[in-house]
Amino acid sequence: MSIGIVNFSLATILFAVPNTIMAGGITGMATMSYYLFDLNIGVGMFLFNFPLFLAAFIWYRDLFYKSVVSMVSASILVGILQQPLIRFGVENIVIGSVIGGLWMGIGLGLMGMANSSLGGGSMLGKMINLKYGFSFGLAVFLVDSSVFPLSFFLIGAKETLFSLLLAASSAFGITLVGRIHQALIKKKLILSPDLGSNPVTKERKYMNG
């Protein structure tokens, strides 16, 4: 889970912020607040997530307990690293949206594997996934995209377009991690019935001649 938080935080600071693009959802709202009002992104993430975590505490207690640590940790990490690292950011909006989005998605996917999220679109996407079995990656993309009509008027058309590309790349990263995880589980299930690979079984076979 901590690896996912670090990946997401670095991708946000190094790829999204230098190009005035955003991930969407609650994180996007926090990033937009930084662009418009110079509000620290970490502080914004915490404030905007509070109502959603209150709802999760009431209806999805397990998700709340697993996600609250991720959200607070990411808010603190982004808040602390924002100023020192932003000078090293990649100022290329195409690279920022594609690579940055993919990197974010991998981080979110790793947290999703642990049944946790950073809140915002990823938490709401996880709720939809748990309740309806809807694709986690697609659910996150749809929820996160809902913030972009607002950014179109407040930030700009070009930045909004590439923010959508970043969100799509992020959804792809989430889906990629999920499929790799599923493949590893399937491989483990296929291999586990193989008694020949079990050292205890081999020893029994040897003792029975």
Protein backbone atom coordinates (compact mmCIF):
# COMPACT_ATOMS: atom_id res chain seq x y z
CA MET A 1 0.00 0.00 0.00
CA SER A 2 2.85 2.42 0.88
CA ILE A 3 4.43 1.79 -2.54
CA GLY A 4 1.16 2.79 -4.18
CA ILE A 5 0.96 6.00 -2.14
CA VAL A 6 4.51 6.98 -3.07
CA ASN A 7 3.89 6.26 -6.77
CA PHE A 8 0.71 8.33 -6.84
CA SER A 9 2.26 11.24 -4.94
CA LEU A 10 5.37 11.43 -7.14
CA ALA A 11 3.33 11.17 -10.35
CA THR A 12 1.10 14.02 -9.21
CA ILE A 13 3.96 16.34 -8.27
CA LEU A 14 6.39 15.50 -11.09
CA PHE A 15 4.00 15.05 -14.03
CA ALA A 16 0.58 16.59 -13.41
CA VAL A 17 1.29 19.82 -11.51
CA PRO A 18 4.09 21.16 -13.79
CA ASN A 19 1.69 20.94 -16.74
CA THR A 20 -1.39 22.37 -14.99
CA ILE A 21 -3.32 19.13 -15.47
CA MET A 22 -5.16 17.05 -12.91
CA ALA A 23 -6.23 13.53 -12.13
CA GLY A 24 -9.91 14.30 -11.64
CA GLY A 25 -12.20 13.53 -8.74
CA ILE A 26 -11.32 14.84 -5.29
CA THR A 27 -7.60 14.92 -6.07
CA GLY A 28 -8.43 16.95 -9.17
CA MET A 29 -10.47 19.39 -7.10
CA ALA A 30 -7.55 19.76 -4.68
CA THR A 31 -5.14 20.29 -7.58
CA MET A 32 -7.50 22.81 -9.18
CA SER A 33 -7.65 24.69 -5.88
CA TYR A 34 -3.86 24.89 -5.95
CA TYR A 35 -3.92 26.33 -9.48
CA LEU A 36 -6.62 28.87 -8.61
CA PHE A 37 -5.98 29.76 -4.96
CA ASP A 38 -2.48 28.39 -4.25
CA LEU A 39 -3.97 26.02 -1.65
CA ASN A 40 -1.54 23.24 -0.75
CA ILE A 41 -2.65 20.12 -2.65
CA GLY A 42 -2.20 17.86 0.38
CA VAL A 43 -4.41 20.12 2.52
CA GLY A 44 -7.01 20.24 -0.25
CA MET A 45 -7.02 16.46 -0.58
CA PHE A 46 -7.76 16.09 3.12
CA LEU A 47 -10.50 18.74 3.22
CA PHE A 48 -12.34 17.58 0.09
CA ASN A 49 -12.16 13.92 1.14
CA PHE A 50 -13.68 14.44 4.59
CA PRO A 51 -17.39 14.11 3.58
CA LEU A 52 -16.71 11.01 1.47
CA PHE A 53 -14.83 9.32 4.31
CA LEU A 54 -17.70 10.10 6.63
CA ALA A 55 -20.03 8.23 4.24
CA ALA A 56 -17.56 5.33 4.01
CA PHE A 57 -17.40 5.16 7.81
CA ILE A 58 -21.16 4.68 7.90
CA TRP A 59 -21.65 2.19 5.03
CA TYR A 60 -18.23 0.70 4.17
CA ARG A 61 -16.43 0.53 7.50
CA ASP A 62 -13.74 -1.90 6.31
CA LEU A 63 -12.92 0.29 3.30
CA PHE A 64 -12.84 3.33 5.58
CA TYR A 65 -10.32 1.81 7.98
CA LYS A 66 -8.06 0.65 5.16
CA SER A 67 -8.36 3.88 3.17
CA VAL A 68 -8.15 6.52 5.87
CA VAL A 69 -4.49 5.68 6.49
CA SER A 70 -3.77 5.91 2.74
CA MET A 71 -5.59 9.22 2.38
CA VAL A 72 -3.93 10.87 5.37
CA SER A 73 -0.51 9.49 4.38
CA ALA A 74 -0.87 10.70 0.77
CA SER A 75 -2.14 14.11 1.90
CA ILE A 76 0.86 14.53 4.17
CA LEU A 77 3.32 13.20 1.59
CA VAL A 78 2.02 15.39 -1.24
CA GLY A 79 1.81 18.39 1.07
CA ILE A 80 5.41 17.99 2.23
CA LEU A 81 7.00 17.05 -1.11
CA GLN A 82 5.09 19.50 -3.30
CA GLN A 83 7.43 22.49 -2.98
CA PRO A 84 10.79 20.66 -2.84
CA LEU A 85 10.08 18.36 -5.84
CA ILE A 86 7.99 20.49 -8.18
CA ARG A 87 11.14 22.13 -9.59
CA PHE A 88 12.18 18.71 -10.95
CA GLY A 89 8.85 18.17 -12.71
CA VAL A 90 8.51 17.26 -16.39
CA GLU A 91 7.13 20.26 -18.28
CA ASN A 92 5.69 18.42 -21.26
CA ILE A 93 1.93 18.10 -21.27
CA VAL A 94 1.87 14.98 -23.49
CA ILE A 95 4.42 13.09 -21.38
CA GLY A 96 2.81 14.41 -18.23
CA SER A 97 -0.65 13.15 -19.18
CA VAL A 98 0.39 9.74 -20.56
CA ILE A 99 3.31 8.71 -18.33
CA GLY A 100 2.04 10.59 -15.31
CA GLY A 101 -1.42 9.08 -15.67
CA LEU A 102 -0.05 5.57 -16.08
CA TRP A 103 2.17 6.04 -13.04
CA MET A 104 -0.76 7.32 -10.99
CA GLY A 105 -2.89 4.38 -12.11
CA ILE A 106 -0.26 1.87 -11.07
CA GLY A 107 -0.15 3.48 -7.63
CA LEU A 108 -3.95 3.43 -7.33
CA GLY A 109 -4.07 -0.15 -8.60
CA LEU A 110 -1.60 -1.29 -5.94
CA MET A 111 -3.76 0.34 -3.28
CA GLY A 112 -6.88 -1.19 -4.80
CA MET A 113 -5.32 -4.64 -4.44
CA ALA A 114 -5.12 -3.97 -0.71
CA ASN A 115 -8.80 -2.89 -0.74
CA SER A 116 -7.80 0.68 0.06
CA SER A 117 -7.84 3.98 -1.80
CA LEU A 118 -6.91 7.64 -1.50
CA GLY A 119 -10.55 8.59 -1.27
CA GLY A 120 -12.24 10.68 -3.94
CA GLY A 121 -12.81 8.93 -7.25
CA SER A 122 -10.80 5.88 -6.27
CA MET A 123 -12.82 5.35 -3.07
CA LEU A 124 -16.16 5.93 -4.79
CA GLY A 125 -14.99 3.66 -7.62
CA LYS A 126 -14.12 0.99 -5.06
CA MET A 127 -17.56 1.34 -3.47
CA ILE A 128 -19.21 0.85 -6.87
CA ASN A 129 -16.90 -2.11 -7.53
CA LEU A 130 -17.77 -3.76 -4.21
CA LYS A 131 -21.52 -3.18 -4.49
CA TYR A 132 -22.14 -3.85 -8.20
CA GLY A 133 -19.03 -5.71 -9.42
CA PHE A 134 -18.38 -2.92 -11.92
CA SER A 135 -14.82 -2.61 -13.28
CA PHE A 136 -12.76 -0.69 -10.72
CA GLY A 137 -10.67 1.09 -13.37
CA LEU A 138 -13.69 2.14 -15.45
CA ALA A 139 -15.62 3.24 -12.37
CA VAL A 140 -12.71 5.44 -11.27
CA PHE A 141 -12.44 6.94 -14.76
CA LEU A 142 -16.14 7.84 -14.88
CA VAL A 143 -16.17 9.34 -11.40
CA ASP A 144 -12.93 11.26 -11.91
CA SER A 145 -14.10 12.63 -15.26
CA SER A 146 -17.07 14.36 -13.64
CA VAL A 147 -14.82 17.19 -12.42
CA PHE A 148 -13.54 18.11 -15.88
CA PRO A 149 -16.50 20.22 -17.08
CA LEU A 150 -15.68 22.59 -14.23
CA SER A 151 -11.97 22.67 -15.10
CA PHE A 152 -12.88 23.47 -18.72
CA PHE A 153 -14.15 26.89 -17.64
CA LEU A 154 -11.75 27.54 -14.73
CA ILE A 155 -8.45 26.14 -16.02
CA GLY A 156 -8.74 25.95 -19.81
CA ALA A 157 -9.75 23.73 -22.72
CA LYS A 158 -6.25 22.43 -23.53
CA GLU A 159 -5.46 21.53 -19.93
CA THR A 160 -8.85 19.83 -19.54
CA LEU A 161 -8.34 17.76 -22.68
CA PHE A 162 -4.97 16.49 -21.47
CA SER A 163 -6.38 15.97 -17.99
CA LEU A 164 -8.90 13.60 -19.57
CA LEU A 165 -6.00 11.81 -21.27
CA LEU A 166 -4.25 11.59 -17.91
CA ALA A 167 -7.41 10.11 -16.34
CA ALA A 168 -7.67 7.55 -19.17
CA SER A 169 -4.01 6.61 -18.75
CA SER A 170 -4.58 6.28 -15.02
CA ALA A 171 -7.56 3.97 -15.59
CA PHE A 172 -5.39 1.87 -17.90
CA GLY A 173 -2.72 1.64 -15.20
CA ILE A 174 -5.29 0.53 -12.62
CA THR A 175 -6.70 -2.08 -15.00
CA LEU A 176 -3.21 -3.30 -15.90
CA VAL A 177 -2.30 -3.87 -12.25
CA GLY A 178 -5.62 -5.62 -11.68
CA ARG A 179 -5.15 -7.99 -14.61
CA ILE A 180 -1.59 -8.84 -13.59
CA HIS A 181 -2.84 -9.54 -10.08
CA GLN A 182 -5.64 -11.74 -11.40
CA ALA A 183 -3.20 -13.63 -13.63
CA LEU A 184 -0.87 -14.26 -10.69
CA ILE A 185 -3.75 -15.53 -8.56
CA LYS A 186 -4.94 -17.80 -11.39
CA LYS A 187 -1.43 -19.14 -11.88
CA LYS A 188 -1.14 -19.82 -8.15
CA LEU A 189 -4.47 -21.67 -8.15
CA ILE A 190 -3.39 -23.76 -11.14
CA LEU A 191 -0.07 -24.67 -9.58
CA SER A 192 -1.32 -25.34 -6.05
CA PRO A 193 -3.14 -28.64 -6.84
CA ASP A 194 0.11 -30.05 -8.23
CA LEU A 195 1.00 -32.49 -5.49
CA GLY A 196 4.33 -33.16 -7.09
CA SER A 197 5.47 -29.68 -6.21
CA ASN A 198 4.60 -30.15 -2.51
CA PRO A 199 7.71 -31.12 -0.48
CA VAL A 200 5.59 -32.94 2.14
CA THR A 201 3.91 -35.06 -0.57
CA LYS A 202 7.28 -35.88 -2.11
CA GLU A 203 8.53 -37.04 1.28
CA ARG A 204 5.45 -39.22 1.79
CA LYS A 205 5.85 -40.75 -1.66
CA TYR A 206 9.50 -41.52 -0.88
CA MET A 207 8.62 -43.13 2.49
CA ASN A 208 5.91 -45.27 0.88
CA GLY A 209 8.42 -46.49 -1.68
